[in-house]
Protein backbone atom coordinates (compact mmCIF):
# COMPACT_ATOMS: atom_id res chain seq x y z
CA UNK A 1 19.43 321.48 72.52
CA UNK A 2 18.79 317.81 73.15
CA UNK A 3 15.29 318.48 74.55
CA UNK A 4 14.39 320.74 71.62
CA UNK A 5 15.52 318.09 69.16
CA UNK A 6 13.37 315.43 70.83
CA UNK A 7 10.33 317.71 70.92
CA UNK A 8 10.72 318.47 67.22
CA UNK A 9 10.96 314.75 66.51
CA UNK A 10 7.75 314.07 68.47
CA UNK A 11 5.95 316.94 66.77
CA UNK A 12 6.94 315.73 63.33
CA UNK A 13 5.73 312.22 64.21
CA UNK A 14 2.30 313.62 65.18
CA UNK A 15 2.20 315.65 61.97
CA UNK A 16 2.94 312.57 59.85
CA UNK A 17 0.16 310.70 61.66
CA UNK A 18 -2.34 313.45 60.81
CA UNK A 19 -1.09 313.51 57.23
CA UNK A 20 -1.61 309.73 57.00
CA UNK A 21 -5.24 310.14 58.17
CA UNK A 22 -5.87 312.82 55.52
CA UNK A 23 -4.46 310.55 52.80
CA UNK A 24 -6.82 307.80 53.91
CA UNK A 25 -9.76 310.20 53.36
CA UNK A 26 -8.54 311.25 49.91
CA UNK A 27 -5.91 308.84 48.53
CA UNK A 28 -5.77 310.50 45.12
CA UNK A 29 -4.41 313.68 46.74
CA UNK A 30 -1.06 311.87 46.98
CA UNK A 31 -0.61 311.91 43.16
CA UNK A 32 -3.21 314.40 41.99
CA UNK A 33 -0.68 317.09 41.01
CA UNK A 34 1.90 314.62 39.61
CA UNK A 35 2.34 313.80 35.93
CA UNK A 36 2.70 310.08 36.81
CA UNK A 37 0.49 307.78 38.77
CA UNK A 38 2.92 305.51 40.69
CA UNK A 39 0.27 303.98 42.95
CA UNK A 40 -3.04 302.20 42.53
CA UNK A 41 -5.69 303.35 44.99
CA UNK A 42 -6.12 299.96 46.67
CA UNK A 43 -2.33 299.52 46.89
CA UNK A 44 -1.88 302.93 48.47
CA UNK A 45 -4.62 302.29 51.04
CA UNK A 46 -3.05 298.95 51.99
CA UNK A 47 0.30 300.71 52.49
CA UNK A 48 -1.32 303.29 54.77
CA UNK A 49 -2.94 300.52 56.82
CA UNK A 50 0.18 298.39 57.17
CA UNK A 51 2.87 301.03 57.73
CA UNK A 52 3.40 304.18 59.81
CA UNK A 53 5.01 307.45 58.74
CA UNK A 54 7.81 308.35 61.16
CA UNK A 55 10.71 310.84 61.08
CA UNK A 56 13.98 309.50 59.74
CA UNK A 57 16.01 311.44 62.30
CA UNK A 58 17.09 309.75 65.53
CA UNK A 59 15.82 311.67 68.58
CA UNK A 60 18.84 310.49 70.58
CA UNK A 61 21.33 312.11 68.15
CA UNK A 62 20.63 315.83 68.07
CA UNK A 63 23.89 316.70 66.26
CA UNK A 64 26.38 315.12 63.87
CA UNK A 65 28.87 314.96 66.74
CA UNK A 66 26.62 312.62 68.68
CA UNK A 67 26.35 310.28 65.69
CA UNK A 68 30.12 310.34 65.10
CA UNK A 69 30.76 309.53 68.78
CA UNK A 70 28.45 306.52 68.60
CA UNK A 71 30.13 305.41 65.39
CA UNK A 72 33.51 305.57 67.11
CA UNK A 73 32.17 303.35 69.90
CA UNK A 74 30.93 300.79 67.36
CA UNK A 75 34.30 300.80 65.56
CA UNK A 76 36.26 300.37 68.78
CA UNK A 77 34.09 297.39 69.76
CA UNK A 78 34.65 295.81 66.33
CA UNK A 79 38.41 296.26 66.61
CA UNK A 80 38.47 294.81 70.14
CA UNK A 81 36.53 291.68 69.10
CA UNK A 82 36.97 291.23 65.34
CA UNK A 83 35.58 287.70 65.42
CA UNK A 84 32.16 289.01 66.54
CA UNK A 85 31.57 291.73 63.91
CA UNK A 86 31.41 292.10 60.14
CA UNK A 87 33.90 294.94 59.40
CA UNK A 88 32.16 295.95 56.17
CA UNK A 89 28.75 296.18 57.84
CA UNK A 90 30.25 298.21 60.71
CA UNK A 91 31.86 300.72 58.34
CA UNK A 92 28.67 301.07 56.29
CA UNK A 93 26.65 301.72 59.46
CA UNK A 94 29.13 304.40 60.60
CA UNK A 95 29.06 306.08 57.18
CA UNK A 96 25.27 306.21 57.20
CA UNK A 97 25.34 307.68 60.70
CA UNK A 98 27.70 310.38 59.43
CA UNK A 99 25.63 311.10 56.34
CA UNK A 100 28.19 309.53 53.95
CA UNK A 101 27.07 307.49 50.97
CA UNK A 102 29.08 304.21 51.06
CA UNK A 103 28.20 303.26 47.47
CA UNK A 104 31.29 302.33 45.50
CA UNK A 105 33.68 302.66 48.44
CA UNK A 106 34.05 298.97 49.13
CA UNK A 107 35.72 296.45 46.86
CA UNK A 108 33.42 293.64 45.78
CA UNK A 109 34.23 290.49 47.70
CA UNK A 110 32.77 287.37 46.06
CA UNK A 111 31.05 284.99 48.41
CA UNK A 112 33.02 281.80 48.97
CA UNK A 113 31.54 278.86 47.08
CA UNK A 114 29.74 276.27 49.18
CA UNK A 115 31.87 273.24 50.01
CA UNK A 116 31.53 270.31 47.67
CA UNK A 117 29.95 267.44 49.66
CA UNK A 118 31.84 264.88 47.57
CA UNK A 119 35.17 266.56 48.29
CA UNK A 120 34.31 266.74 51.99
CA UNK A 121 33.46 263.03 51.99
CA UNK A 122 36.71 262.16 50.18
CA UNK A 123 38.72 264.26 52.65
CA UNK A 124 37.03 262.63 55.64
CA UNK A 125 37.66 259.17 54.18
CA UNK A 126 41.35 259.95 53.55
CA UNK A 127 41.78 261.22 57.12
CA UNK A 128 40.10 258.10 58.50
CA UNK A 129 42.36 255.85 56.40
CA UNK A 130 45.44 257.75 57.58
CA UNK A 131 44.42 257.36 61.23
CA UNK A 132 43.80 253.63 60.65
CA UNK A 133 47.24 253.24 59.02
CA UNK A 134 48.86 255.03 61.95
CA UNK A 135 47.09 252.72 64.40
CA UNK A 136 48.17 249.64 62.46
CA UNK A 137 51.76 250.87 62.28
CA UNK A 138 51.84 251.50 66.02
CA UNK A 139 50.35 248.06 66.69
CA UNK A 140 53.01 246.42 64.49
CA UNK A 141 55.78 248.27 66.33
CA UNK A 142 54.44 247.17 69.71
CA UNK A 143 54.20 243.54 68.51
CA UNK A 144 57.75 243.62 67.14
CA UNK A 145 59.11 245.09 70.36
CA UNK A 146 57.30 242.42 72.40
CA UNK A 147 58.71 239.61 70.25
CA UNK A 148 62.20 241.09 70.49
CA UNK A 149 61.99 241.19 74.27
CA UNK A 150 60.76 237.59 74.35
CA UNK A 151 63.59 236.53 72.01
CA UNK A 152 66.12 238.23 74.27
CA UNK A 153 64.67 236.46 77.29
CA UNK A 154 64.81 233.09 75.50
CA UNK A 155 68.40 233.66 74.35
CA UNK A 156 69.42 234.60 77.88
CA UNK A 157 67.71 231.57 79.34
CA UNK A 158 69.22 229.25 76.71
CA UNK A 159 72.77 230.53 77.39
CA UNK A 160 72.22 230.08 81.10
CA UNK A 161 70.97 226.52 80.61
CA UNK A 162 73.96 225.69 78.40
CA UNK A 163 76.41 227.04 80.95
CA UNK A 164 74.79 225.11 83.78
CA UNK A 165 74.84 221.91 81.67
CA UNK A 166 78.55 222.40 81.02
CA UNK A 167 79.23 222.73 84.72
CA UNK A 168 77.21 219.58 85.40
CA UNK A 169 79.27 217.71 82.78
CA UNK A 170 82.44 218.85 84.51
CA UNK A 171 81.11 217.69 87.87
CA UNK A 172 80.21 214.26 86.45
CA UNK A 173 83.72 213.95 84.95
CA UNK A 174 85.22 214.83 88.31
CA UNK A 175 83.06 212.24 90.05
CA UNK A 176 84.18 209.59 87.57
CA UNK A 177 87.80 210.57 88.11
CA UNK A 178 87.29 210.42 91.85
CA UNK A 179 85.84 206.91 91.63
CA UNK A 180 88.82 205.83 89.54
CA UNK A 181 91.14 207.21 92.17
CA UNK A 182 89.28 205.49 95.00
CA UNK A 183 88.66 202.08 93.42
CA UNK A 184 91.10 201.71 90.52
CA UNK A 185 94.49 202.08 92.10
CA UNK A 186 95.07 199.86 95.10
CA UNK A 187 98.86 200.34 94.91
CA UNK A 188 98.65 203.96 96.01
CA UNK A 189 99.40 204.67 99.56
CA UNK A 190 96.69 205.66 101.94
CA UNK A 191 98.18 209.14 102.21
CA UNK A 192 98.00 209.74 98.45
CA UNK A 193 94.42 208.54 98.33
CA UNK A 194 93.37 210.91 101.07
CA UNK A 195 95.09 213.82 99.32
CA UNK A 196 93.30 213.02 96.09
CA UNK A 197 90.01 212.81 97.91
CA UNK A 198 90.52 216.22 99.51
CA UNK A 199 91.55 217.75 96.22
CA UNK A 200 88.55 216.26 94.48
CA UNK A 201 86.20 217.44 97.20
CA UNK A 202 87.63 220.95 97.05
CA UNK A 203 87.21 221.12 93.31
CA UNK A 204 83.67 219.81 93.58
CA UNK A 205 82.87 222.42 96.19
CA UNK A 206 84.25 225.18 93.94
CA UNK A 207 82.20 223.91 91.01
CA UNK A 208 79.11 223.86 93.18
CA UNK A 209 79.73 227.48 94.24
CA UNK A 210 80.27 228.47 90.59
CA UNK A 211 77.01 226.80 89.60
CA UNK A 212 75.11 228.58 92.37
CA UNK A 213 76.64 231.94 91.37
CA UNK A 214 75.60 231.41 87.73
CA UNK A 215 72.07 230.65 88.83
CA UNK A 216 71.90 233.83 90.93
CA UNK A 217 73.28 235.98 88.10
CA UNK A 218 70.79 234.49 85.65
CA UNK A 219 67.90 235.22 88.03
CA UNK A 220 69.05 238.83 88.47
CA UNK A 221 69.36 239.42 84.68
CA UNK A 222 65.90 237.96 84.03
CA UNK A 223 64.34 240.11 86.78
CA UNK A 224 66.02 243.21 85.35
CA UNK A 225 64.80 242.38 81.82
CA UNK A 226 61.22 241.97 83.05
CA UNK A 227 61.37 245.32 84.88
CA UNK A 228 62.65 247.07 81.73
CA UNK A 229 59.94 245.46 79.65
CA UNK A 230 57.20 246.67 82.02
CA UNK A 231 58.51 250.28 81.81
């Protein structure tokens, strides 16, 4: 059946070619027995020169079943990749393949209006301003955080300096007291003087240890603050 259909298609194509040659010899034969004259002779001859007469039927679709099968393939491809196909055009093609007139079956869908260039420019400008505002806000936050960290470091260093100065004042007072003990009281016995000297030396040693400990703690806190700031 497929071979017969293709042979008929080829035969009809040859017949149309012969018919076209006969019309070239006598163009008026195309409308001689018609009440209307739809063509001018020169126009009809130009059409015969520029176009061929071919059968409408597809030689690869001998039956309606073949056309329906091909239509099903097209529809399945459209459903599998909807972003690649126009669904309306696919359905119209399938209806034509099945001999169905698609006129009036589809709802009219108005074409979307072209974008307004002024609106697009305004939108782009607003987005750019928003991004700039976000950048400025982030920059301000980073600056504020940096200043806060510096203020904390300064406060910590100031407190440490004040504490160390207080310890130094205490040491100076102890030294003055020690000098008074050594040089101001000659009536004290030698034993009492030695005891006072030992007591003074012990207290001075303790103050020195306390001062060194404060310095170490301050150094550790500052190192920890710098590490946190880097993170």
